[in-house]
Amino acid sequence: MNLNTYYAQGCATVQRHWRGSSAQRLWQAWHAELLALLPPRWRARLAGGEPLQVLHWPLDEPADPTPPRVLVLPRSEVLVQTLTLPAAAARDLHNVLGFELDKYTPYRADQVNFHAQVLGQSGSTIKVRLVVILRERLEQILAACAGFTLQGVDVRDGERLGVDLLPQALRPKAAKGGRLNRGLLLGCAGLLLTVMVLWLQSREALLIEMQAQVREQQAQIGQLQQVRQTLANTQGAARYLIQRKAAQPALASVIADLSQCLPDGTWLEQLEVDDSGQVSLSGQSTRASALIAQLKNCHTLDDPQFQGVIQPDNDTGKDHFSLRAHLHQEAAHGSSAD
């Protein structure tokens, strides 16, 4: 089965569902209201030519056969029945009634022409009006109207029923009106496709915007983590310095300790303590060679050593010395301040 066959079957299915449906009636009513708002010339052009005129049966007097007409039959020429059918029958109402026509009428489907109208739905059932005319009688009527251009065959029962009993082979093909309907259908399909494309584009734009926001938030989180790491490193360094400072003796303790450890006849000219805890001291002493042994008794100093050589001073008669040592490191007592 080729693509054209599938397309034809699909179109036929859509036409069956559309024919006689509530959507079709709503469309026809809305279309009629719109046409009523237009000038007669435009209304005739959109309707596919000149407005249809009504031809009543039986033909009482000669009429102009030129304009297209709708033949209206009296109620006595047809059989009208109201049926209650399952709602599922509305999907293919014409074929369903064609199979069961002998159940509702005394005729077979090949003996008559019929038209079915859905009047309403109640729950799981629908109300259908069935209009039937004998095919032989319809052919006689059409033969009597051979000089007229018929657009359809309707029935009058007080008012027109809005049916069309004209055989399918004799129905005129839609011209401008059909092209208009197809154009409207294509336009609706194009609008629907445009709406779908615009909706997809808006969703895609929203997705791109959300992805950009996520990337921005990730960058902010990365910066926050870097700040936290820097803060943690700074706090660690600060704690380390505080601990080092707490573990080193105070400068006053170092001076007091030196005053006890240095022998008499010794004085200091320079005393320096740097951040790493290294102590540099220089001065003069009458017993410079014994200073290392004396400084080992200092509790605040570790590993005292001469820096350079001992040189005698001719002015004072003493020896000039230069020493280097390290502050004694002790465990910090108590809680360290943050």
C-alpha atoms as a PDB file:
ATOM      1  CA  MET A   1       0.000   0.000   0.000  1.00  0.00           C
ATOM      2  CA  ASN A   2       1.614   3.266  -1.116  1.00  0.00           C
ATOM      3  CA  LEU A   3       1.611   6.674   0.512  1.00  0.00           C
ATOM      4  CA  ASN A   4      -1.259   7.990  -1.617  1.00  0.00           C
ATOM      5  CA  THR A   5      -3.503   5.159  -0.442  1.00  0.00           C
ATOM      6  CA  TYR A   6      -2.723   5.898   3.204  1.00  0.00           C
ATOM      7  CA  TYR A   7      -3.394   9.586   2.574  1.00  0.00           C
ATOM      8  CA  ALA A   8      -6.729   8.849   0.887  1.00  0.00           C
ATOM      9  CA  GLN A   9      -7.793   6.533   3.709  1.00  0.00           C
ATOM     10  CA  GLY A  10      -6.808   9.112   6.299  1.00  0.00           C
ATOM     11  CA  CYS A  11      -8.763  11.845   4.517  1.00  0.00           C
ATOM     12  CA  ALA A  12     -11.809   9.603   4.249  1.00  0.00           C
ATOM     13  CA  THR A  13     -11.635   8.792   7.961  1.00  0.00           C
ATOM     14  CA  VAL A  14     -11.382  12.472   8.869  1.00  0.00           C
ATOM     15  CA  GLN A  15     -14.348  13.299   6.619  1.00  0.00           C
ATOM     16  CA  ARG A  16     -16.471  10.563   8.220  1.00  0.00           C
ATOM     17  CA  HIS A  17     -15.717  11.863  11.708  1.00  0.00           C
ATOM     18  CA  TRP A  18     -16.276  15.450  10.624  1.00  0.00           C
ATOM     19  CA  ARG A  19     -19.558  14.831   8.793  1.00  0.00           C
ATOM     20  CA  GLY A  20     -22.527  15.358  11.130  1.00  0.00           C
ATOM     21  CA  SER A  21     -20.368  16.064  14.182  1.00  0.00           C
ATOM     22  CA  SER A  22     -21.047  18.801  16.723  1.00  0.00           C
ATOM     23  CA  ALA A  23     -17.840  20.525  15.655  1.00  0.00           C
ATOM     24  CA  GLN A  24     -19.124  20.708  12.075  1.00  0.00           C
ATOM     25  CA  ARG A  25     -22.430  22.196  13.215  1.00  0.00           C
ATOM     26  CA  LEU A  26     -20.604  24.754  15.340  1.00  0.00           C
ATOM     27  CA  TRP A  27     -18.360  25.628  12.407  1.00  0.00           C
ATOM     28  CA  GLN A  28     -21.335  26.000  10.073  1.00  0.00           C
ATOM     29  CA  ALA A  29     -23.180  28.261  12.528  1.00  0.00           C
ATOM     30  CA  TRP A  30     -20.109  30.434  13.081  1.00  0.00           C
ATOM     31  CA  HIS A  31     -19.430  30.533   9.334  1.00  0.00           C
ATOM     32  CA  ALA A  32     -23.022  31.585   8.644  1.00  0.00           C
ATOM     33  CA  GLU A  33     -22.816  34.380  11.223  1.00  0.00           C
ATOM     34  CA  LEU A  34     -19.597  35.671   9.692  1.00  0.00           C
ATOM     35  CA  LEU A  35     -21.078  35.603   6.186  1.00  0.00           C
ATOM     36  CA  ALA A  36     -24.149  37.491   7.402  1.00  0.00           C
ATOM     37  CA  LEU A  37     -21.892  40.387   8.425  1.00  0.00           C
ATOM     38  CA  LEU A  38     -20.506  40.785   4.887  1.00  0.00           C
ATOM     39  CA  PRO A  39     -22.036  42.687   1.949  1.00  0.00           C
ATOM     40  CA  PRO A  40     -24.164  40.542  -0.421  1.00  0.00           C
ATOM     41  CA  ARG A  41     -21.564  40.642  -3.217  1.00  0.00           C
ATOM     42  CA  TRP A  42     -18.778  39.400  -0.953  1.00  0.00           C
ATOM     43  CA  ARG A  43     -21.106  36.870   0.638  1.00  0.00           C
ATOM     44  CA  ALA A  44     -22.022  35.458  -2.773  1.00  0.00           C
ATOM     45  CA  ARG A  45     -18.374  35.311  -3.838  1.00  0.00           C
ATOM     46  CA  LEU A  46     -17.277  33.487  -0.671  1.00  0.00           C
ATOM     47  CA  ALA A  47     -20.240  31.143  -0.909  1.00  0.00           C
ATOM     48  CA  GLY A  48     -18.998  29.944  -4.313  1.00  0.00           C
ATOM     49  CA  GLY A  49     -21.079  32.019  -6.702  1.00  0.00           C
ATOM     50  CA  GLU A  50     -24.662  33.245  -6.620  1.00  0.00           C
ATOM     51  CA  PRO A  51     -26.777  32.536  -3.514  1.00  0.00           C
ATOM     52  CA  LEU A  52     -28.719  29.288  -3.643  1.00  0.00           C
ATOM     53  CA  GLN A  53     -32.430  29.502  -4.317  1.00  0.00           C
ATOM     54  CA  VAL A  54     -35.069  27.098  -3.069  1.00  0.00           C
ATOM     55  CA  LEU A  55     -37.059  24.917  -5.442  1.00  0.00           C
ATOM     56  CA  HIS A  56     -40.147  23.368  -3.863  1.00  0.00           C
ATOM     57  CA  TRP A  57     -41.583  20.013  -4.859  1.00  0.00           C
ATOM     58  CA  PRO A  58     -43.955  19.427  -6.549  1.00  0.00           C
ATOM     59  CA  LEU A  59     -43.107  21.980  -9.202  1.00  0.00           C
ATOM     60  CA  ASP A  60     -46.095  24.329  -9.338  1.00  0.00           C
ATOM     61  CA  GLU A  61     -44.986  26.707 -12.096  1.00  0.00           C
ATOM     62  CA  PRO A  62     -42.038  27.083 -14.486  1.00  0.00           C
ATOM     63  CA  ALA A  63     -38.975  28.661 -12.910  1.00  0.00           C
ATOM     64  CA  ASP A  64     -35.707  30.019 -14.182  1.00  0.00           C
ATOM     65  CA  PRO A  65     -33.340  27.036 -14.384  1.00  0.00           C
ATOM     66  CA  THR A  66     -30.199  29.189 -14.487  1.00  0.00           C
ATOM     67  CA  PRO A  67     -29.309  29.779 -10.809  1.00  0.00           C
ATOM     68  CA  PRO A  68     -28.288  26.810  -8.644  1.00  0.00           C
ATOM     69  CA  ARG A  69     -31.031  25.633  -6.363  1.00  0.00           C
ATOM     70  CA  VAL A  70     -31.790  23.367  -3.426  1.00  0.00           C
ATOM     71  CA  LEU A  71     -34.761  21.080  -4.001  1.00  0.00           C
ATOM     72  CA  VAL A  72     -36.992  20.876  -0.922  1.00  0.00           C
ATOM     73  CA  LEU A  73     -39.284  17.832  -0.663  1.00  0.00           C
ATOM     74  CA  PRO A  74     -42.400  17.613   1.490  1.00  0.00           C
ATOM     75  CA  ARG A  75     -42.506  15.329   4.517  1.00  0.00           C
ATOM     76  CA  SER A  76     -44.800  12.909   2.711  1.00  0.00           C
ATOM     77  CA  GLU A  77     -42.088  11.923   0.209  1.00  0.00           C
ATOM     78  CA  VAL A  78     -39.675  10.574   2.819  1.00  0.00           C
ATOM     79  CA  LEU A  79     -39.542   8.363   5.882  1.00  0.00           C
ATOM     80  CA  VAL A  80     -38.233  10.115   9.036  1.00  0.00           C
ATOM     81  CA  GLN A  81     -37.325   8.186  12.183  1.00  0.00           C
ATOM     82  CA  THR A  82     -35.572   9.147  15.421  1.00  0.00           C
ATOM     83  CA  LEU A  83     -33.148   6.495  16.664  1.00  0.00           C
ATOM     84  CA  THR A  84     -31.121   5.972  19.827  1.00  0.00           C
ATOM     85  CA  LEU A  85     -27.718   4.459  19.120  1.00  0.00           C
ATOM     86  CA  PRO A  86     -24.505   3.860  21.095  1.00  0.00           C
ATOM     87  CA  ALA A  87     -22.185   6.839  21.102  1.00  0.00           C
ATOM     88  CA  ALA A  88     -19.511   4.784  19.363  1.00  0.00           C
ATOM     89  CA  ALA A  89     -21.712   4.628  16.253  1.00  0.00           C
ATOM     90  CA  ALA A  90     -21.102   8.370  15.650  1.00  0.00           C
ATOM     91  CA  ARG A  91     -17.590   7.566  14.471  1.00  0.00           C
ATOM     92  CA  ASP A  92     -18.938   5.981  11.269  1.00  0.00           C
ATOM     93  CA  LEU A  93     -22.630   6.688  11.396  1.00  0.00           C
ATOM     94  CA  HIS A  94     -23.368   6.346   7.686  1.00  0.00           C
ATOM     95  CA  ASN A  95     -21.842   2.882   7.368  1.00  0.00           C
ATOM     96  CA  VAL A  96     -23.388   1.683  10.649  1.00  0.00           C
ATOM     97  CA  LEU A  97     -26.866   2.645   9.478  1.00  0.00           C
ATOM     98  CA  GLY A  98     -26.176   1.245   6.021  1.00  0.00           C
ATOM     99  CA  PHE A  99     -25.570  -2.222   7.517  1.00  0.00           C
ATOM    100  CA  GLU A 100     -28.620  -2.092   9.792  1.00  0.00           C
ATOM    101  CA  LEU A 101     -31.009  -0.080   7.633  1.00  0.00           C
ATOM    102  CA  ASP A 102     -33.424  -2.996   7.183  1.00  0.00           C
ATOM    103  CA  LYS A 103     -33.679  -3.120  10.981  1.00  0.00           C
ATOM    104  CA  TYR A 104     -35.098   0.397  11.181  1.00  0.00           C
ATOM    105  CA  THR A 105     -36.940   0.623   7.826  1.00  0.00           C
ATOM    106  CA  PRO A 106     -38.776  -1.827   5.534  1.00  0.00           C
ATOM    107  CA  TYR A 107     -36.099  -1.316   2.852  1.00  0.00           C
ATOM    108  CA  ARG A 108     -32.570  -2.440   2.171  1.00  0.00           C
ATOM    109  CA  ALA A 109     -29.690  -0.017   1.809  1.00  0.00           C
ATOM    110  CA  ASP A 110     -29.493  -0.558  -1.968  1.00  0.00           C
ATOM    111  CA  GLN A 111     -33.146   0.489  -2.359  1.00  0.00           C
ATOM    112  CA  VAL A 112     -32.941   3.908  -0.760  1.00  0.00           C
ATOM    113  CA  ASN A 113     -30.971   7.087  -0.297  1.00  0.00           C
ATOM    114  CA  PHE A 114     -30.684   8.188   3.316  1.00  0.00           C
ATOM    115  CA  HIS A 115     -29.149  10.857   5.472  1.00  0.00           C
ATOM    116  CA  ALA A 116     -28.432  10.666   9.222  1.00  0.00           C
ATOM    117  CA  GLN A 117     -28.163  13.610  11.616  1.00  0.00           C
ATOM    118  CA  VAL A 118     -26.847  13.491  15.183  1.00  0.00           C
ATOM    119  CA  LEU A 119     -29.316  15.521  17.238  1.00  0.00           C
ATOM    120  CA  GLY A 120     -27.628  15.172  20.604  1.00  0.00           C
ATOM    121  CA  GLN A 121     -25.827  12.908  23.061  1.00  0.00           C
ATOM    122  CA  SER A 122     -26.891  11.677  26.461  1.00  0.00           C
ATOM    123  CA  GLY A 123     -24.306   9.685  28.336  1.00  0.00           C
ATOM    124  CA  SER A 124     -23.236   6.696  26.270  1.00  0.00           C
ATOM    125  CA  THR A 125     -25.984   7.069  23.651  1.00  0.00           C
ATOM    126  CA  ILE A 126     -26.724   9.501  20.832  1.00  0.00           C
ATOM    127  CA  LYS A 127     -29.993  10.648  19.330  1.00  0.00           C
ATOM    128  CA  VAL A 128     -30.045  10.322  15.539  1.00  0.00           C
ATOM    129  CA  ARG A 129     -32.586  11.487  12.963  1.00  0.00           C
ATOM    130  CA  LEU A 130     -32.754   9.164   9.953  1.00  0.00           C
ATOM    131  CA  VAL A 131     -34.286  10.503   6.711  1.00  0.00           C
ATOM    132  CA  VAL A 132     -34.933   7.874   4.001  1.00  0.00           C
ATOM    133  CA  ILE A 133     -36.332   8.122   0.459  1.00  0.00           C
ATOM    134  CA  LEU A 134     -36.793   5.345  -2.074  1.00  0.00           C
ATOM    135  CA  ARG A 135     -34.101   5.523  -4.713  1.00  0.00           C
ATOM    136  CA  GLU A 136     -36.626   4.898  -7.473  1.00  0.00           C
ATOM    137  CA  ARG A 137     -38.834   7.764  -6.286  1.00  0.00           C
ATOM    138  CA  LEU A 138     -35.829  10.104  -5.964  1.00  0.00           C
ATOM    139  CA  GLU A 139     -34.751   9.281  -9.517  1.00  0.00           C
ATOM    140  CA  GLN A 140     -38.242  10.187 -10.776  1.00  0.00           C
ATOM    141  CA  ILE A 141     -38.114  13.521  -8.929  1.00  0.00           C
ATOM    142  CA  LEU A 142     -34.643  14.292 -10.232  1.00  0.00           C
ATOM    143  CA  ALA A 143     -35.721  13.431 -13.749  1.00  0.00           C
ATOM    144  CA  ALA A 144     -38.538  15.966 -13.443  1.00  0.00           C
ATOM    145  CA  CYS A 145     -35.960  18.560 -12.337  1.00  0.00           C
ATOM    146  CA  ALA A 146     -33.483  17.731 -15.077  1.00  0.00           C
ATOM    147  CA  GLY A 147     -33.400  21.292 -16.349  1.00  0.00           C
ATOM    148  CA  PHE A 148     -32.280  22.726 -13.018  1.00  0.00           C
ATOM    149  CA  THR A 149     -28.844  22.887 -11.430  1.00  0.00           C
ATOM    150  CA  LEU A 150     -29.392  21.200  -8.082  1.00  0.00           C
ATOM    151  CA  GLN A 151     -26.967  21.676  -5.230  1.00  0.00           C
ATOM    152  CA  GLY A 152     -28.824  19.409  -2.827  1.00  0.00           C
ATOM    153  CA  VAL A 153     -32.134  17.794  -1.852  1.00  0.00           C
ATOM    154  CA  ASP A 154     -33.599  18.822   1.509  1.00  0.00           C
ATOM    155  CA  VAL A 155     -36.832  17.969   3.330  1.00  0.00           C
ATOM    156  CA  ARG A 156     -39.419  20.321   4.809  1.00  0.00           C
ATOM    157  CA  ASP A 157     -41.265  19.272   7.959  1.00  0.00           C
ATOM    158  CA  GLY A 158     -42.640  22.606   9.096  1.00  0.00           C
ATOM    159  CA  GLU A 159     -39.085  23.853   8.571  1.00  0.00           C
ATOM    160  CA  ARG A 160     -36.141  22.544   6.589  1.00  0.00           C
ATOM    161  CA  LEU A 161     -34.353  19.631   8.230  1.00  0.00           C
ATOM    162  CA  GLY A 162     -30.955  20.508   6.821  1.00  0.00           C
ATOM    163  CA  VAL A 163     -30.317  17.137   5.145  1.00  0.00           C
ATOM    164  CA  ASP A 164     -29.003  16.303   1.693  1.00  0.00           C
ATOM    165  CA  LEU A 165     -30.516  13.316  -0.117  1.00  0.00           C
ATOM    166  CA  LEU A 166     -28.868  14.096  -3.437  1.00  0.00           C
ATOM    167  CA  PRO A 167     -26.823  11.090  -4.632  1.00  0.00           C
ATOM    168  CA  GLN A 168     -23.103  11.478  -4.162  1.00  0.00           C
ATOM    169  CA  ALA A 169     -22.448  11.160  -7.882  1.00  0.00           C
ATOM    170  CA  LEU A 170     -24.723  14.134  -8.640  1.00  0.00           C
ATOM    171  CA  ARG A 171     -23.403  16.465  -5.967  1.00  0.00           C
ATOM    172  CA  PRO A 172     -21.421  19.383  -7.383  1.00  0.00           C
ATOM    173  CA  LYS A 173     -17.773  19.526  -6.565  1.00  0.00           C
ATOM    174  CA  ALA A 174     -16.755  22.278  -4.237  1.00  0.00           C
ATOM    175  CA  ALA A 175     -15.224  25.188  -6.117  1.00  0.00           C
ATOM    176  CA  LYS A 176     -14.352  28.385  -4.354  1.00  0.00           C
ATOM    177  CA  GLY A 177     -16.011  27.363  -1.143  1.00  0.00           C
ATOM    178  CA  GLY A 178     -14.082  24.092  -1.115  1.00  0.00           C
ATOM    179  CA  ARG A 179     -10.858  25.874  -1.845  1.00  0.00           C
ATOM    180  CA  LEU A 180     -11.698  28.328   0.907  1.00  0.00           C
ATOM    181  CA  ASN A 181     -12.324  25.509   3.377  1.00  0.00           C
ATOM    182  CA  ARG A 182      -9.101  23.795   2.363  1.00  0.00           C
ATOM    183  CA  GLY A 183      -7.289  27.108   2.664  1.00  0.00           C
ATOM    184  CA  LEU A 184      -8.720  27.634   6.129  1.00  0.00           C
ATOM    185  CA  LEU A 185      -7.751  24.094   7.102  1.00  0.00           C
ATOM    186  CA  LEU A 186      -4.213  24.598   5.814  1.00  0.00           C
ATOM    187  CA  GLY A 187      -4.060  27.964   7.564  1.00  0.00           C
ATOM    188  CA  CYS A 188      -5.158  26.388  10.850  1.00  0.00           C
ATOM    189  CA  ALA A 189      -2.566  23.649  10.423  1.00  0.00           C
ATOM    190  CA  GLY A 190       0.099  26.272   9.693  1.00  0.00           C
ATOM    191  CA  LEU A 191      -0.902  28.289  12.756  1.00  0.00           C
ATOM    192  CA  LEU A 192      -0.832  25.163  14.896  1.00  0.00           C
ATOM    193  CA  LEU A 193       2.620  24.282  13.582  1.00  0.00           C
ATOM    194  CA  THR A 194       3.801  27.854  14.208  1.00  0.00           C
ATOM    195  CA  VAL A 195       2.476  27.758  17.775  1.00  0.00           C
ATOM    196  CA  MET A 196       4.263  24.461  18.380  1.00  0.00           C
ATOM    197  CA  VAL A 197       7.538  25.809  16.966  1.00  0.00           C
ATOM    198  CA  LEU A 198       7.256  28.998  19.030  1.00  0.00           C
ATOM    199  CA  TRP A 199       6.475  26.956  22.136  1.00  0.00           C
ATOM    200  CA  LEU A 200       9.520  24.752  21.532  1.00  0.00           C
ATOM    201  CA  GLN A 201      11.683  27.821  20.956  1.00  0.00           C
ATOM    202  CA  SER A 202      10.443  29.416  24.175  1.00  0.00           C
ATOM    203  CA  ARG A 203      11.150  26.204  26.104  1.00  0.00           C
ATOM    204  CA  GLU A 204      14.616  26.021  24.540  1.00  0.00           C
ATOM    205  CA  ALA A 205      15.303  29.670  25.433  1.00  0.00           C
ATOM    206  CA  LEU A 206      14.124  28.994  28.989  1.00  0.00           C
ATOM    207  CA  LEU A 207      16.392  25.943  29.171  1.00  0.00           C
ATOM    208  CA  ILE A 208      19.382  27.981  27.940  1.00  0.00           C
ATOM    209  CA  GLU A 209      18.624  30.694  30.505  1.00  0.00           C
ATOM    210  CA  MET A 210      18.367  28.116  33.305  1.00  0.00           C
ATOM    211  CA  GLN A 211      21.660  26.521  32.218  1.00  0.00           C
ATOM    212  CA  ALA A 212      23.335  29.952  32.293  1.00  0.00           C
ATOM    213  CA  GLN A 213      21.963  30.539  35.791  1.00  0.00           C
ATOM    214  CA  VAL A 214      23.263  27.135  36.906  1.00  0.00           C
ATOM    215  CA  ARG A 215      26.723  27.906  35.499  1.00  0.00           C
ATOM    216  CA  GLU A 216      26.712  31.299  37.236  1.00  0.00           C
ATOM    217  CA  GLN A 217      25.719  29.693  40.526  1.00  0.00           C
ATOM    218  CA  GLN A 218      28.433  27.062  40.095  1.00  0.00           C
ATOM    219  CA  ALA A 219      30.998  29.833  39.531  1.00  0.00           C
ATOM    220  CA  GLN A 220      29.773  31.619  42.653  1.00  0.00           C
ATOM    221  CA  ILE A 221      30.007  28.378  44.626  1.00  0.00           C
ATOM    222  CA  GLY A 222      33.573  27.898  43.339  1.00  0.00           C
ATOM    223  CA  GLN A 223      34.504  31.425  44.439  1.00  0.00           C
ATOM    224  CA  LEU A 224      32.886  30.826  47.827  1.00  0.00           C
ATOM    225  CA  GLN A 225      34.865  27.619  48.252  1.00  0.00           C
ATOM    226  CA  GLN A 226      38.085  29.472  47.387  1.00  0.00           C
ATOM    227  CA  VAL A 227      37.261  32.160  49.950  1.00  0.00           C
ATOM    228  CA  ARG A 228      36.535  29.482  52.542  1.00  0.00           C
ATOM    229  CA  GLN A 229      39.834  27.742  51.752  1.00  0.00           C
ATOM    230  CA  THR A 230      41.733  31.043  51.998  1.00  0.00           C
ATOM    231  CA  LEU A 231      40.006  31.816  55.295  1.00  0.00           C
ATOM    232  CA  ALA A 232      40.812  28.360  56.617  1.00  0.00           C
ATOM    233  CA  ASN A 233      44.474  28.761  55.607  1.00  0.00           C
ATOM    234  CA  THR A 234      44.614  32.219  57.213  1.00  0.00           C
ATOM    235  CA  GLN A 235      43.048  30.930  60.409  1.00  0.00           C
ATOM    236  CA  GLY A 236      45.490  28.035  60.455  1.00  0.00           C
ATOM    237  CA  ALA A 237      48.455  30.358  60.008  1.00  0.00           C
ATOM    238  CA  ALA A 238      47.110  32.682  62.687  1.00  0.00           C
ATOM    239  CA  ARG A 239      46.671  29.784  65.118  1.00  0.00           C
ATOM    240  CA  TYR A 240      50.188  28.581  64.321  1.00  0.00           C
ATOM    241  CA  LEU A 241      51.666  32.018  65.014  1.00  0.00           C
ATOM    242  CA  ILE A 242      49.652  32.345  68.206  1.00  0.00           C
ATOM    243  CA  GLN A 243      50.874  28.933  69.334  1.00  0.00           C
ATOM    244  CA  ARG A 244      54.454  29.806  68.446  1.00  0.00           C
ATOM    245  CA  LYS A 245      54.178  33.074  70.286  1.00  0.00           C
ATOM    246  CA  ALA A 246      52.604  31.391  73.301  1.00  0.00           C
ATOM    247  CA  ALA A 247      55.352  28.752  73.305  1.00  0.00           C
ATOM    248  CA  GLN A 248      58.177  31.344  73.279  1.00  0.00           C
ATOM    249  CA  PRO A 249      59.165  33.105  76.480  1.00  0.00           C
ATOM    250  CA  ALA A 250      58.440  36.800  76.789  1.00  0.00           C
ATOM    251  CA  LEU A 251      61.184  39.319  76.071  1.00  0.00           C
ATOM    252  CA  ALA A 252      61.107  40.493  79.682  1.00  0.00           C
ATOM    253  CA  SER A 253      61.747  36.907  80.816  1.00  0.00           C
ATOM    254  CA  VAL A 254      64.671  36.643  78.399  1.00  0.00           C
ATOM    255  CA  ILE A 255      66.238  39.870  79.738  1.00  0.00           C
ATOM    256  CA  ALA A 256      65.708  38.799  83.341  1.00  0.00           C
ATOM    257  CA  ASP A 257      67.206  35.397  82.613  1.00  0.00           C
ATOM    258  CA  LEU A 258      70.236  36.941  80.890  1.00  0.00           C
ATOM    259  CA  SER A 259      70.838  39.222  83.853  1.00  0.00           C
ATOM    260  CA  GLN A 260      71.137  36.125  86.005  1.00  0.00           C
ATOM    261  CA  CYS A 261      73.185  34.018  83.570  1.00  0.00           C
ATOM    262  CA  LEU A 262      75.772  36.543  82.395  1.00  0.00           C
ATOM    263  CA  PRO A 263      78.776  36.821  84.727  1.00  0.00           C
ATOM    264  CA  ASP A 264      79.959  40.023  86.344  1.00  0.00           C
ATOM    265  CA  GLY A 265      82.109  42.226  84.165  1.00  0.00           C
ATOM    266  CA  THR A 266      79.873  41.555  81.135  1.00  0.00           C
ATOM    267  CA  TRP A 267      77.446  43.935  79.525  1.00  0.00           C
ATOM    268  CA  LEU A 268      75.454  43.835  76.341  1.00  0.00           C
ATOM    269  CA  GLU A 269      75.677  46.392  73.575  1.00  0.00           C
ATOM    270  CA  GLN A 270      72.972  44.833  71.344  1.00  0.00           C
ATOM    271  CA  LEU A 271      70.106  42.332  71.822  1.00  0.00           C
ATOM    272  CA  GLU A 272      67.821  41.247  68.944  1.00  0.00           C
ATOM    273  CA  VAL A 273      65.046  38.640  68.853  1.00  0.00           C
ATOM    274  CA  ASP A 274      63.447  37.927  65.415  1.00  0.00           C
ATOM    275  CA  ASP A 275      60.105  36.285  64.573  1.00  0.00           C
ATOM    276  CA  SER A 276      61.664  32.856  64.130  1.00  0.00           C
ATOM    277  CA  GLY A 277      62.904  32.894  67.755  1.00  0.00           C
ATOM    278  CA  GLN A 278      66.590  33.489  66.956  1.00  0.00           C
ATOM    279  CA  VAL A 279      68.431  35.644  69.498  1.00  0.00           C
ATOM    280  CA  SER A 280      71.511  37.729  68.572  1.00  0.00           C
ATOM    281  CA  LEU A 281      73.460  39.450  71.293  1.00  0.00           C
ATOM    282  CA  SER A 282      76.807  41.229  71.351  1.00  0.00           C
ATOM    283  CA  GLY A 283      78.836  43.091  73.977  1.00  0.00           C
ATOM    284  CA  GLN A 284      82.027  43.072  76.031  1.00  0.00           C
ATOM    285  CA  SER A 285      83.183  40.842  78.853  1.00  0.00           C
ATOM    286  CA  THR A 286      86.233  40.150  80.933  1.00  0.00           C
ATOM    287  CA  ARG A 287      85.410  36.454  80.640  1.00  0.00           C
ATOM    288  CA  ALA A 288      84.127  36.152  77.071  1.00  0.00           C
ATOM    289  CA  SER A 289      85.418  32.605  76.589  1.00  0.00           C
ATOM    290  CA  ALA A 290      83.257  31.362  79.467  1.00  0.00           C
ATOM    291  CA  LEU A 291      80.036  32.877  78.180  1.00  0.00           C
ATOM    292  CA  ILE A 292      78.885  29.721  76.345  1.00  0.00           C
ATOM    293  CA  ALA A 293      78.991  27.714  79.531  1.00  0.00           C
ATOM    294  CA  GLN A 294      77.163  30.466  81.399  1.00  0.00           C
ATOM    295  CA  LEU A 295      74.452  30.840  78.796  1.00  0.00           C
ATOM    296  CA  LYS A 296      73.689  27.112  78.868  1.00  0.00           C
ATOM    297  CA  ASN A 297      72.267  27.722  82.330  1.00  0.00           C
ATOM    298  CA  CYS A 298      69.705  30.132  80.888  1.00  0.00           C
ATOM    299  CA  HIS A 299      66.297  28.505  80.761  1.00  0.00           C
ATOM    300  CA  THR A 300      65.044  30.819  77.995  1.00  0.00           C
ATOM    301  CA  LEU A 301      67.900  30.122  75.523  1.00  0.00           C
ATOM    302  CA  ASP A 302      68.946  27.015  73.655  1.00  0.00           C
ATOM    303  CA  ASP A 303      72.100  26.169  71.719  1.00  0.00           C
ATOM    304  CA  PRO A 304      74.212  29.283  72.362  1.00  0.00           C
ATOM    305  CA  GLN A 305      77.166  29.671  69.937  1.00  0.00           C
ATOM    306  CA  PHE A 306      79.766  32.326  69.174  1.00  0.00           C
ATOM    307  CA  GLN A 307      79.275  34.208  65.953  1.00  0.00           C
ATOM    308  CA  GLY A 308      82.715  35.200  64.680  1.00  0.00           C
ATOM    309  CA  VAL A 309      85.822  35.427  66.849  1.00  0.00           C
ATOM    310  CA  ILE A 310      86.437  37.114  70.186  1.00  0.00           C
ATOM    311  CA  GLN A 311      88.338  40.365  69.701  1.00  0.00           C
ATOM    312  CA  PRO A 312      90.031  42.360  72.472  1.00  0.00           C
ATOM    313  CA  ASP A 313      89.090  46.013  72.892  1.00  0.00           C
ATOM    314  CA  ASN A 314      92.144  48.191  73.636  1.00  0.00           C
ATOM    315  CA  ASP A 315      90.041  51.021  75.013  1.00  0.00           C
ATOM    316  CA  THR A 316      88.169  49.021  77.634  1.00  0.00           C
ATOM    317  CA  GLY A 317      90.643  46.184  78.102  1.00  0.00           C
ATOM    318  CA  LYS A 318      87.820  43.672  77.643  1.00  0.00           C
ATOM    319  CA  ASP A 319      86.951  41.180  74.923  1.00  0.00           C
ATOM    320  CA  HIS A 320      84.283  41.980  72.349  1.00  0.00           C
ATOM    321  CA  PHE A 321      81.997  39.023  71.617  1.00  0.00           C
ATOM    322  CA  SER A 322      79.002  38.184  69.415  1.00  0.00           C
ATOM    323  CA  LEU A 323      76.639  35.278  70.239  1.00  0.00           C
ATOM    324  CA  ARG A 324      73.659  33.607  68.650  1.00  0.00           C
ATOM    325  CA  ALA A 325      71.059  31.363  70.331  1.00  0.00           C
ATOM    326  CA  HIS A 326      67.441  30.234  70.033  1.00  0.00           C
ATOM    327  CA  LEU A 327      64.544  30.915  72.330  1.00  0.00           C
ATOM    328  CA  HIS A 328      63.494  27.909  74.287  1.00  0.00           C
ATOM    329  CA  GLN A 329      60.224  26.502  72.880  1.00  0.00           C
ATOM    330  CA  GLU A 330      57.669  25.276  75.399  1.00  0.00           C
ATOM    331  CA  ALA A 331      54.164  23.875  75.055  1.00  0.00           C
ATOM    332  CA  ALA A 332      51.562  26.574  75.388  1.00  0.00           C
ATOM    333  CA  HIS A 333      49.647  26.357  78.657  1.00  0.00           C
ATOM    334  CA  GLY A 334      45.938  27.014  78.805  1.00  0.00           C
ATOM    335  CA  SER A 335      43.555  27.584  75.962  1.00  0.00           C
ATOM    336  CA  SER A 336      44.934  29.474  72.968  1.00  0.00           C
ATOM    337  CA  ALA A 337      43.036  32.541  71.856  1.00  0.00           C
ATOM    338  CA  ASP A 338      41.524  32.378  68.385  1.00  0.00           C
END
